[in-house]
Amino acid sequence: MRNAAGFSAAQSELPLLRNRNFVPVTVIVQKMLEDRFRGRVWAFLGSLTSAMMPLAYLTGGFLARVTPLYVIFLVGGVIIISVLIVLSRLKELQKV
């Protein structure tokens, strides 16, 4: 089913989901940085994110050709959960 703009429900909500995932990063950056550095850090993070997208597309395309997709998703999920566990144990982040 499509909305008035011609997007499906999943497509129209995708930017909202992305923004919700980065709320903790936003809070951490705002609390840990001085005001005078905040703009520079946001610019750097935005540039880094944009620069990594083509690399992610190339890597994902290559991996999809040489391995089954379920392996890619399984390994990606394990990596994300591992990073979350490690980050949740950092004392510096628990203070924020």
Protein backbone atom coordinates (compact mmCIF):
# COMPACT_ATOMS: atom_id res chain seq x y z
CA MET A 1 0.00 0.00 0.00
CA ARG A 2 1.36 3.42 -0.95
CA ASN A 3 0.83 6.78 0.70
CA ALA A 4 0.06 10.09 -1.04
CA ALA A 5 3.74 10.65 -1.90
CA GLY A 6 3.94 7.25 -3.61
CA PHE A 7 6.07 5.56 -0.97
CA SER A 8 5.24 2.36 0.85
CA ALA A 9 4.88 2.51 4.62
CA ALA A 10 8.33 1.00 5.15
CA GLN A 11 9.97 3.47 2.77
CA SER A 12 8.29 6.51 4.26
CA GLU A 13 9.28 5.55 7.83
CA LEU A 14 12.88 4.66 7.03
CA PRO A 15 14.33 8.13 7.78
CA LEU A 16 12.46 8.17 11.09
CA LEU A 17 13.94 4.82 12.06
CA ARG A 18 17.42 5.98 11.15
CA ASN A 19 17.10 9.11 13.27
CA ARG A 20 15.82 7.16 16.27
CA ASN A 21 18.84 4.85 16.13
CA PHE A 22 21.28 7.74 16.42
CA VAL A 23 19.64 9.50 19.36
CA PRO A 24 22.13 8.01 21.89
CA VAL A 25 25.06 9.17 19.75
CA THR A 26 23.54 12.65 19.63
CA VAL A 27 23.19 12.79 23.40
CA ILE A 28 26.72 11.50 24.01
CA VAL A 29 28.29 13.98 21.58
CA GLN A 30 26.34 16.92 22.99
CA LYS A 31 27.20 16.11 26.59
CA MET A 32 30.88 15.29 26.09
CA LEU A 33 31.89 18.17 23.82
CA GLU A 34 32.32 21.85 24.43
CA ASP A 35 30.02 24.09 22.44
CA ARG A 36 32.84 25.52 20.33
CA PHE A 37 33.80 22.07 18.98
CA ARG A 38 30.33 20.65 18.44
CA GLY A 39 29.80 22.00 14.90
CA ARG A 40 33.16 20.71 13.72
CA VAL A 41 32.53 17.26 15.17
CA TRP A 42 29.06 17.07 13.54
CA ALA A 43 30.55 18.13 10.21
CA PHE A 44 33.25 15.47 10.51
CA LEU A 45 30.76 12.75 11.48
CA GLY A 46 28.49 13.71 8.58
CA SER A 47 31.38 13.64 6.11
CA LEU A 48 32.63 10.33 7.46
CA THR A 49 29.18 8.78 7.18
CA SER A 50 28.76 9.99 3.60
CA ALA A 51 32.22 8.81 2.62
CA MET A 52 31.65 5.32 4.01
CA MET A 53 28.43 4.68 2.07
CA PRO A 54 30.08 3.80 -1.27
CA LEU A 55 32.50 1.51 0.54
CA ALA A 56 29.59 -0.22 2.26
CA TYR A 57 27.77 -0.68 -1.07
CA LEU A 58 30.86 -2.19 -2.70
CA THR A 59 31.58 -4.47 0.23
CA GLY A 60 27.96 -5.57 0.49
CA GLY A 61 27.77 -6.31 -3.23
CA PHE A 62 30.96 -8.33 -3.16
CA LEU A 63 29.92 -10.29 -0.08
CA ALA A 64 26.47 -10.99 -1.57
CA ARG A 65 28.14 -12.64 -4.56
CA VAL A 66 30.50 -14.88 -2.62
CA THR A 67 28.48 -15.83 0.49
CA PRO A 68 24.85 -16.64 1.22
CA LEU A 69 22.83 -13.65 2.45
CA TYR A 70 21.84 -15.29 5.72
CA VAL A 71 25.53 -15.53 6.68
CA ILE A 72 26.02 -11.80 6.03
CA PHE A 73 23.02 -10.89 8.18
CA LEU A 74 24.00 -13.33 10.91
CA VAL A 75 27.57 -12.03 11.13
CA GLY A 76 26.34 -8.43 10.99
CA GLY A 77 23.91 -9.08 13.82
CA VAL A 78 26.58 -10.72 15.96
CA ILE A 79 28.93 -7.77 15.37
CA ILE A 80 26.25 -5.22 16.29
CA ILE A 81 25.24 -7.07 19.45
CA SER A 82 28.91 -7.48 20.45
CA VAL A 83 29.58 -3.77 20.00
CA LEU A 84 26.48 -2.89 22.02
CA ILE A 85 27.58 -5.17 24.86
CA VAL A 86 31.08 -3.68 24.91
CA LEU A 87 29.78 -0.10 24.78
CA SER A 88 27.24 -0.75 27.52
CA ARG A 89 30.04 -1.78 29.87
CA LEU A 90 32.13 1.37 29.39
CA LYS A 91 32.03 3.45 32.55
CA GLU A 92 32.46 6.74 30.64
CA LEU A 93 29.30 6.15 28.61
CA GLN A 94 27.29 5.08 31.65
CA LYS A 95 27.88 8.51 33.20
CA VAL A 96 26.28 10.26 30.23
